[in-house]
Amino acid sequence: MYYIAKVDADMCSEYKCNACTLYCPEANTLMFNEDKNTSWVDEDRCKGCALCVYVCTDMLDRNCITMEMPDTSAAV
């Protein structure tokens, strides 16, 4: 199995920084919703590189993004 990035929207919206979106190497995968002031991940496009986790956790010390196994219970 593999891991994908998951954003804690409540925690992320407190910072409104969108720095993680600037470092994601996969186009249209990690984006910022300006209405909700939070980043979000297109789970089908995430390759699991964890660069966003490094930016959010190690560089900015915010811990809003974690790597988790995707929810496959709804998959057909």
PDB file of N, CA and C in Angstrom:
ATOM      1  N   MET A   1       0.836  -1.177   0.000  1.00  0.00           N
ATOM      2  CA  MET A   1       0.000   0.000   0.000  1.00  0.00           C
ATOM      3  C   MET A   1       0.885   1.247   0.000  1.00  0.00           C
ATOM      4  N   TYR A   2       0.297   2.365  -0.200  1.00  0.00           N
ATOM      5  CA  TYR A   2       1.033   3.615  -0.275  1.00  0.00           C
ATOM      6  C   TYR A   2       0.363   4.659   0.611  1.00  0.00           C
ATOM      7  N   TYR A   3       1.025   5.770   0.785  1.00  0.00           N
ATOM      8  CA  TYR A   3       0.507   6.855   1.613  1.00  0.00           C
ATOM      9  C   TYR A   3       0.285   8.097   0.760  1.00  0.00           C
ATOM     10  N   ILE A   4      -0.695   8.895   1.154  1.00  0.00           N
ATOM     11  CA  ILE A   4      -0.964  10.166   0.483  1.00  0.00           C
ATOM     12  C   ILE A   4      -1.059  11.265   1.538  1.00  0.00           C
ATOM     13  N   ALA A   5      -0.906  12.489   1.089  1.00  0.00           N
ATOM     14  CA  ALA A   5      -0.975  13.632   2.007  1.00  0.00           C
ATOM     15  C   ALA A   5      -2.416  13.905   2.408  1.00  0.00           C
ATOM     16  N   LYS A   6      -2.596  14.211   3.681  1.00  0.00           N
ATOM     17  CA  LYS A   6      -3.909  14.599   4.215  1.00  0.00           C
ATOM     18  C   LYS A   6      -3.727  15.908   4.973  1.00  0.00           C
ATOM     19  N   VAL A   7      -4.543  16.888   4.643  1.00  0.00           N
ATOM     20  CA  VAL A   7      -4.462  18.202   5.280  1.00  0.00           C
ATOM     21  C   VAL A   7      -5.522  18.303   6.372  1.00  0.00           C
ATOM     22  N   ASP A   8      -5.113  18.730   7.548  1.00  0.00           N
ATOM     23  CA  ASP A   8      -6.055  19.035   8.625  1.00  0.00           C
ATOM     24  C   ASP A   8      -6.582  20.438   8.329  1.00  0.00           C
ATOM     25  N   ALA A   9      -7.765  20.506   7.723  1.00  0.00           N
ATOM     26  CA  ALA A   9      -8.305  21.775   7.238  1.00  0.00           C
ATOM     27  C   ALA A   9      -8.500  22.798   8.352  1.00  0.00           C
ATOM     28  N   ASP A  10      -8.935  22.351   9.506  1.00  0.00           N
ATOM     29  CA  ASP A  10      -9.155  23.290  10.615  1.00  0.00           C
ATOM     30  C   ASP A  10      -7.847  23.937  11.059  1.00  0.00           C
ATOM     31  N   MET A  11      -6.828  23.125  11.198  1.00  0.00           N
ATOM     32  CA  MET A  11      -5.528  23.638  11.630  1.00  0.00           C
ATOM     33  C   MET A  11      -4.906  24.512  10.535  1.00  0.00           C
ATOM     34  N   CYS A  12      -5.004  24.052   9.301  1.00  0.00           N
ATOM     35  CA  CYS A  12      -4.419  24.778   8.169  1.00  0.00           C
ATOM     36  C   CYS A  12      -5.061  26.159   7.997  1.00  0.00           C
ATOM     37  N   SER A  13      -6.360  26.232   8.187  1.00  0.00           N
ATOM     38  CA  SER A  13      -7.062  27.506   7.971  1.00  0.00           C
ATOM     39  C   SER A  13      -6.642  28.589   8.965  1.00  0.00           C
ATOM     40  N   GLU A  14      -6.042  28.194  10.079  1.00  0.00           N
ATOM     41  CA  GLU A  14      -5.559  29.181  11.048  1.00  0.00           C
ATOM     42  C   GLU A  14      -4.362  29.968  10.506  1.00  0.00           C
ATOM     43  N   TYR A  15      -3.589  29.351   9.602  1.00  0.00           N
ATOM     44  CA  TYR A  15      -2.357  29.978   9.108  1.00  0.00           C
ATOM     45  C   TYR A  15      -2.530  30.694   7.773  1.00  0.00           C
ATOM     46  N   LYS A  16      -3.372  30.171   6.901  1.00  0.00           N
ATOM     47  CA  LYS A  16      -3.650  30.791   5.597  1.00  0.00           C
ATOM     48  C   LYS A  16      -2.384  31.067   4.783  1.00  0.00           C
ATOM     49  N   CYS A  17      -1.395  30.182   4.852  1.00  0.00           N
ATOM     50  CA  CYS A  17      -0.110  30.490   4.219  1.00  0.00           C
ATOM     51  C   CYS A  17       0.055  29.907   2.818  1.00  0.00           C
ATOM     52  N   ASN A  18      -0.513  28.807   2.508  1.00  0.00           N
ATOM     53  CA  ASN A  18      -0.433  28.047   1.256  1.00  0.00           C
ATOM     54  C   ASN A  18       0.996  27.739   0.793  1.00  0.00           C
ATOM     55  N   ALA A  19       1.965  27.758   1.686  1.00  0.00           N
ATOM     56  CA  ALA A  19       3.357  27.473   1.317  1.00  0.00           C
ATOM     57  C   ALA A  19       3.518  26.072   0.737  1.00  0.00           C
ATOM     58  N   CYS A  20       2.797  25.114   1.260  1.00  0.00           N
ATOM     59  CA  CYS A  20       2.921  23.733   0.785  1.00  0.00           C
ATOM     60  C   CYS A  20       2.582  23.612  -0.698  1.00  0.00           C
ATOM     61  N   THR A  21       1.632  24.412  -1.169  1.00  0.00           N
ATOM     62  CA  THR A  21       1.221  24.320  -2.571  1.00  0.00           C
ATOM     63  C   THR A  21       2.337  24.756  -3.516  1.00  0.00           C
ATOM     64  N   LEU A  22       3.241  25.571  -3.031  1.00  0.00           N
ATOM     65  CA  LEU A  22       4.341  26.057  -3.864  1.00  0.00           C
ATOM     66  C   LEU A  22       5.419  25.004  -4.089  1.00  0.00           C
ATOM     67  N   TYR A  23       5.459  23.980  -3.240  1.00  0.00           N
ATOM     68  CA  TYR A  23       6.508  22.974  -3.312  1.00  0.00           C
ATOM     69  C   TYR A  23       6.057  21.636  -3.883  1.00  0.00           C
ATOM     70  N   CYS A  24       4.773  21.418  -4.035  1.00  0.00           N
ATOM     71  CA  CYS A  24       4.284  20.133  -4.553  1.00  0.00           C
ATOM     72  C   CYS A  24       4.745  19.958  -6.000  1.00  0.00           C
ATOM     73  N   PRO A  25       5.474  18.860  -6.298  1.00  0.00           N
ATOM     74  CA  PRO A  25       5.995  18.665  -7.648  1.00  0.00           C
ATOM     75  C   PRO A  25       4.949  18.160  -8.644  1.00  0.00           C
ATOM     76  N   GLU A  26       3.816  17.713  -8.167  1.00  0.00           N
ATOM     77  CA  GLU A  26       2.772  17.169  -9.043  1.00  0.00           C
ATOM     78  C   GLU A  26       1.722  18.253  -9.306  1.00  0.00           C
ATOM     79  N   ALA A  27       1.559  18.624 -10.561  1.00  0.00           N
ATOM     80  CA  ALA A  27       0.629  19.697 -10.922  1.00  0.00           C
ATOM     81  C   ALA A  27      -0.802  19.373 -10.508  1.00  0.00           C
ATOM     82  N   ASN A  28      -1.507  20.390 -10.044  1.00  0.00           N
ATOM     83  CA  ASN A  28      -2.921  20.279  -9.679  1.00  0.00           C
ATOM     84  C   ASN A  28      -3.210  19.192  -8.649  1.00  0.00           C
ATOM     85  N   THR A  29      -2.310  19.031  -7.703  1.00  0.00           N
ATOM     86  CA  THR A  29      -2.487  18.018  -6.665  1.00  0.00           C
ATOM     87  C   THR A  29      -2.734  18.650  -5.308  1.00  0.00           C
ATOM     88  N   LEU A  30      -1.923  19.577  -4.926  1.00  0.00           N
ATOM     89  CA  LEU A  30      -2.068  20.275  -3.647  1.00  0.00           C
ATOM     90  C   LEU A  30      -2.439  21.714  -3.967  1.00  0.00           C
ATOM     91  N   MET A  31      -3.650  22.095  -3.605  1.00  0.00           N
ATOM     92  CA  MET A  31      -4.160  23.405  -3.983  1.00  0.00           C
ATOM     93  C   MET A  31      -4.679  24.160  -2.768  1.00  0.00           C
ATOM     94  N   PHE A  32      -4.910  25.441  -2.944  1.00  0.00           N
ATOM     95  CA  PHE A  32      -5.377  26.292  -1.848  1.00  0.00           C
ATOM     96  C   PHE A  32      -6.776  26.799  -2.156  1.00  0.00           C
ATOM     97  N   ASN A  33      -7.696  26.615  -1.227  1.00  0.00           N
ATOM     98  CA  ASN A  33      -9.059  27.106  -1.354  1.00  0.00           C
ATOM     99  C   ASN A  33      -9.135  28.452  -0.639  1.00  0.00           C
ATOM    100  N   GLU A  34      -9.229  29.523  -1.401  1.00  0.00           N
ATOM    101  CA  GLU A  34      -9.220  30.865  -0.814  1.00  0.00           C
ATOM    102  C   GLU A  34     -10.482  31.163  -0.012  1.00  0.00           C
ATOM    103  N   ASP A  35     -11.596  30.532  -0.358  1.00  0.00           N
ATOM    104  CA  ASP A  35     -12.833  30.751   0.396  1.00  0.00           C
ATOM    105  C   ASP A  35     -12.747  30.171   1.803  1.00  0.00           C
ATOM    106  N   LYS A  36     -12.089  29.009   1.917  1.00  0.00           N
ATOM    107  CA  LYS A  36     -11.968  28.339   3.215  1.00  0.00           C
ATOM    108  C   LYS A  36     -10.614  28.580   3.874  1.00  0.00           C
ATOM    109  N   ASN A  37      -9.706  29.268   3.164  1.00  0.00           N
ATOM    110  CA  ASN A  37      -8.355  29.556   3.667  1.00  0.00           C
ATOM    111  C   ASN A  37      -7.608  28.305   4.096  1.00  0.00           C
ATOM    112  N   THR A  38      -7.687  27.264   3.285  1.00  0.00           N
ATOM    113  CA  THR A  38      -6.999  26.021   3.608  1.00  0.00           C
ATOM    114  C   THR A  38      -6.516  25.326   2.344  1.00  0.00           C
ATOM    115  N   SER A  39      -5.450  24.572   2.488  1.00  0.00           N
ATOM    116  CA  SER A  39      -4.963  23.755   1.381  1.00  0.00           C
ATOM    117  C   SER A  39      -5.759  22.460   1.350  1.00  0.00           C
ATOM    118  N   TRP A  40      -5.791  21.820   0.191  1.00  0.00           N
ATOM    119  CA  TRP A  40      -6.457  20.533   0.070  1.00  0.00           C
ATOM    120  C   TRP A  40      -5.731  19.692  -0.976  1.00  0.00           C
ATOM    121  N   VAL A  41      -5.881  18.380  -0.873  1.00  0.00           N
ATOM    122  CA  VAL A  41      -5.155  17.437  -1.715  1.00  0.00           C
ATOM    123  C   VAL A  41      -6.120  16.685  -2.622  1.00  0.00           C
ATOM    124  N   ASP A  42      -5.796  16.628  -3.902  1.00  0.00           N
ATOM    125  CA  ASP A  42      -6.513  15.744  -4.821  1.00  0.00           C
ATOM    126  C   ASP A  42      -5.910  14.358  -4.613  1.00  0.00           C
ATOM    127  N   GLU A  43      -6.595  13.521  -3.870  1.00  0.00           N
ATOM    128  CA  GLU A  43      -6.051  12.230  -3.452  1.00  0.00           C
ATOM    129  C   GLU A  43      -5.722  11.312  -4.625  1.00  0.00           C
ATOM    130  N   ASP A  44      -6.407  11.470  -5.744  1.00  0.00           N
ATOM    131  CA  ASP A  44      -6.132  10.630  -6.914  1.00  0.00           C
ATOM    132  C   ASP A  44      -4.826  11.011  -7.599  1.00  0.00           C
ATOM    133  N   ARG A  45      -4.337  12.213  -7.363  1.00  0.00           N
ATOM    134  CA  ARG A  45      -3.113  12.679  -8.017  1.00  0.00           C
ATOM    135  C   ARG A  45      -1.879  12.626  -7.126  1.00  0.00           C
ATOM    136  N   CYS A  46      -2.074  12.565  -5.813  1.00  0.00           N
ATOM    137  CA  CYS A  46      -0.947  12.584  -4.875  1.00  0.00           C
ATOM    138  C   CYS A  46      -0.072  11.346  -5.057  1.00  0.00           C
ATOM    139  N   LYS A  47       1.233  11.566  -5.201  1.00  0.00           N
ATOM    140  CA  LYS A  47       2.196  10.473  -5.402  1.00  0.00           C
ATOM    141  C   LYS A  47       2.864  10.039  -4.104  1.00  0.00           C
ATOM    142  N   GLY A  48       2.580  10.737  -3.007  1.00  0.00           N
ATOM    143  CA  GLY A  48       3.115  10.341  -1.709  1.00  0.00           C
ATOM    144  C   GLY A  48       4.560  10.719  -1.469  1.00  0.00           C
ATOM    145  N   CYS A  49       5.040  11.776  -2.096  1.00  0.00           N
ATOM    146  CA  CYS A  49       6.445  12.169  -1.937  1.00  0.00           C
ATOM    147  C   CYS A  49       6.726  12.802  -0.567  1.00  0.00           C
ATOM    148  N   ALA A  50       5.697  13.317   0.089  1.00  0.00           N
ATOM    149  CA  ALA A  50       5.779  13.923   1.423  1.00  0.00           C
ATOM    150  C   ALA A  50       6.549  15.245   1.469  1.00  0.00           C
ATOM    151  N   LEU A  51       6.788  15.861   0.339  1.00  0.00           N
ATOM    152  CA  LEU A  51       7.463  17.157   0.338  1.00  0.00           C
ATOM    153  C   LEU A  51       6.615  18.213   1.050  1.00  0.00           C
ATOM    154  N   CYS A  52       5.320  18.142   0.891  1.00  0.00           N
ATOM    155  CA  CYS A  52       4.426  19.089   1.569  1.00  0.00           C
ATOM    156  C   CYS A  52       4.503  18.932   3.086  1.00  0.00           C
ATOM    157  N   VAL A  53       4.659  17.702   3.551  1.00  0.00           N
ATOM    158  CA  VAL A  53       4.787  17.452   4.987  1.00  0.00           C
ATOM    159  C   VAL A  53       6.073  18.086   5.500  1.00  0.00           C
ATOM    160  N   TYR A  54       7.149  17.940   4.743  1.00  0.00           N
ATOM    161  CA  TYR A  54       8.425  18.547   5.125  1.00  0.00           C
ATOM    162  C   TYR A  54       8.282  20.066   5.241  1.00  0.00           C
ATOM    163  N   VAL A  55       7.649  20.681   4.243  1.00  0.00           N
ATOM    164  CA  VAL A  55       7.488  22.137   4.251  1.00  0.00           C
ATOM    165  C   VAL A  55       6.650  22.576   5.452  1.00  0.00           C
ATOM    166  N   CYS A  56       5.514  21.942   5.650  1.00  0.00           N
ATOM    167  CA  CYS A  56       4.593  22.349   6.714  1.00  0.00           C
ATOM    168  C   CYS A  56       5.131  22.013   8.105  1.00  0.00           C
ATOM    169  N   THR A  57       5.678  20.829   8.250  1.00  0.00           N
ATOM    170  CA  THR A  57       6.103  20.369   9.570  1.00  0.00           C
ATOM    171  C   THR A  57       7.510  20.823   9.939  1.00  0.00           C
ATOM    172  N   ASP A  58       8.473  20.559   9.077  1.00  0.00           N
ATOM    173  CA  ASP A  58       9.867  20.846   9.415  1.00  0.00           C
ATOM    174  C   ASP A  58      10.267  22.303   9.173  1.00  0.00           C
ATOM    175  N   MET A  59       9.864  22.863   8.044  1.00  0.00           N
ATOM    176  CA  MET A  59      10.259  24.238   7.739  1.00  0.00           C
ATOM    177  C   MET A  59       9.424  25.268   8.503  1.00  0.00           C
ATOM    178  N   LEU A  60       8.118  25.035   8.582  1.00  0.00           N
ATOM    179  CA  LEU A  60       7.227  26.033   9.181  1.00  0.00           C
ATOM    180  C   LEU A  60       6.741  25.665  10.584  1.00  0.00           C
ATOM    181  N   ASP A  61       7.009  24.451  11.016  1.00  0.00           N
ATOM    182  CA  ASP A  61       6.626  23.970  12.356  1.00  0.00           C
ATOM    183  C   ASP A  61       5.130  24.135  12.621  1.00  0.00           C
ATOM    184  N   ARG A  62       4.311  23.677  11.651  1.00  0.00           N
ATOM    185  CA  ARG A  62       2.857  23.834  11.784  1.00  0.00           C
ATOM    186  C   ARG A  62       2.115  22.505  11.884  1.00  0.00           C
ATOM    187  N   ASN A  63       2.615  21.442  11.327  1.00  0.00           N
ATOM    188  CA  ASN A  63       2.036  20.098  11.466  1.00  0.00           C
ATOM    189  C   ASN A  63       0.600  19.967  10.964  1.00  0.00           C
ATOM    190  N   CYS A  64       0.266  20.633   9.881  1.00  0.00           N
ATOM    191  CA  CYS A  64      -1.093  20.570   9.337  1.00  0.00           C
ATOM    192  C   CYS A  64      -1.277  19.426   8.345  1.00  0.00           C
ATOM    193  N   ILE A  65      -0.177  18.839   7.876  1.00  0.00           N
ATOM    194  CA  ILE A  65      -0.259  17.789   6.862  1.00  0.00           C
ATOM    195  C   ILE A  65       0.405  16.528   7.388  1.00  0.00           C
ATOM    196  N   THR A  66      -0.261  15.405   7.162  1.00  0.00           N
ATOM    197  CA  THR A  66       0.287  14.103   7.529  1.00  0.00           C
ATOM    198  C   THR A  66       0.180  13.171   6.334  1.00  0.00           C
ATOM    199  N   MET A  67       0.940  12.099   6.379  1.00  0.00           N
ATOM    200  CA  MET A  67       0.846  11.071   5.345  1.00  0.00           C
ATOM    201  C   MET A  67       0.009   9.930   5.910  1.00  0.00           C
ATOM    202  N   GLU A  68      -1.042   9.558   5.183  1.00  0.00           N
ATOM    203  CA  GLU A  68      -1.947   8.511   5.635  1.00  0.00           C
ATOM    204  C   GLU A  68      -2.288   7.587   4.481  1.00  0.00           C
ATOM    205  N   MET A  69      -2.709   6.391   4.824  1.00  0.00           N
ATOM    206  CA  MET A  69      -3.168   5.463   3.797  1.00  0.00           C
ATOM    207  C   MET A  69      -4.498   5.979   3.253  1.00  0.00           C
ATOM    208  N   PRO A  70      -4.697   5.892   1.936  1.00  0.00           N
ATOM    209  CA  PRO A  70      -5.961   6.377   1.372  1.00  0.00           C
ATOM    210  C   PRO A  70      -7.128   5.497   1.803  1.00  0.00           C
ATOM    211  N   ASP A  71      -8.296   6.095   1.897  1.00  0.00           N
ATOM    212  CA  ASP A  71      -9.507   5.357   2.235  1.00  0.00           C
ATOM    213  C   ASP A  71      -9.993   4.641   0.979  1.00  0.00           C
ATOM    214  N   THR A  72      -9.866   3.344   0.963  1.00  0.00           N
ATOM    215  CA  THR A  72     -10.274   2.560  -0.211  1.00  0.00           C
ATOM    216  C   THR A  72     -11.601   1.850   0.015  1.00  0.00           C
ATOM    217  N   SER A  73     -12.275   2.139   1.110  1.00  0.00           N
ATOM    218  CA  SER A  73     -13.534   1.455   1.408  1.00  0.00           C
ATOM    219  C   SER A  73     -14.623   1.793   0.397  1.00  0.00           C
ATOM    220  N   ALA A  74     -14.553   2.969  -0.218  1.00  0.00           N
ATOM    221  CA  ALA A  74     -15.558   3.366  -1.195  1.00  0.00           C
ATOM    222  C   ALA A  74     -15.195   2.921  -2.605  1.00  0.00           C
ATOM    223  N   ALA A  75     -14.000   2.369  -2.785  1.00  0.00           N
ATOM    224  CA  ALA A  75     -13.562   1.944  -4.117  1.00  0.00           C
ATOM    225  C   ALA A  75     -14.365   0.735  -4.579  1.00  0.00           C
ATOM    226  N   VAL A  76     -14.639   0.721  -5.868  1.00  0.00           N
ATOM    227  CA  VAL A  76     -15.415  -0.387  -6.438  1.00  0.00           C
ATOM    228  C   VAL A  76     -14.512  -1.310  -7.192  1.00  0.00           C
TER     229      VAL A  76
END
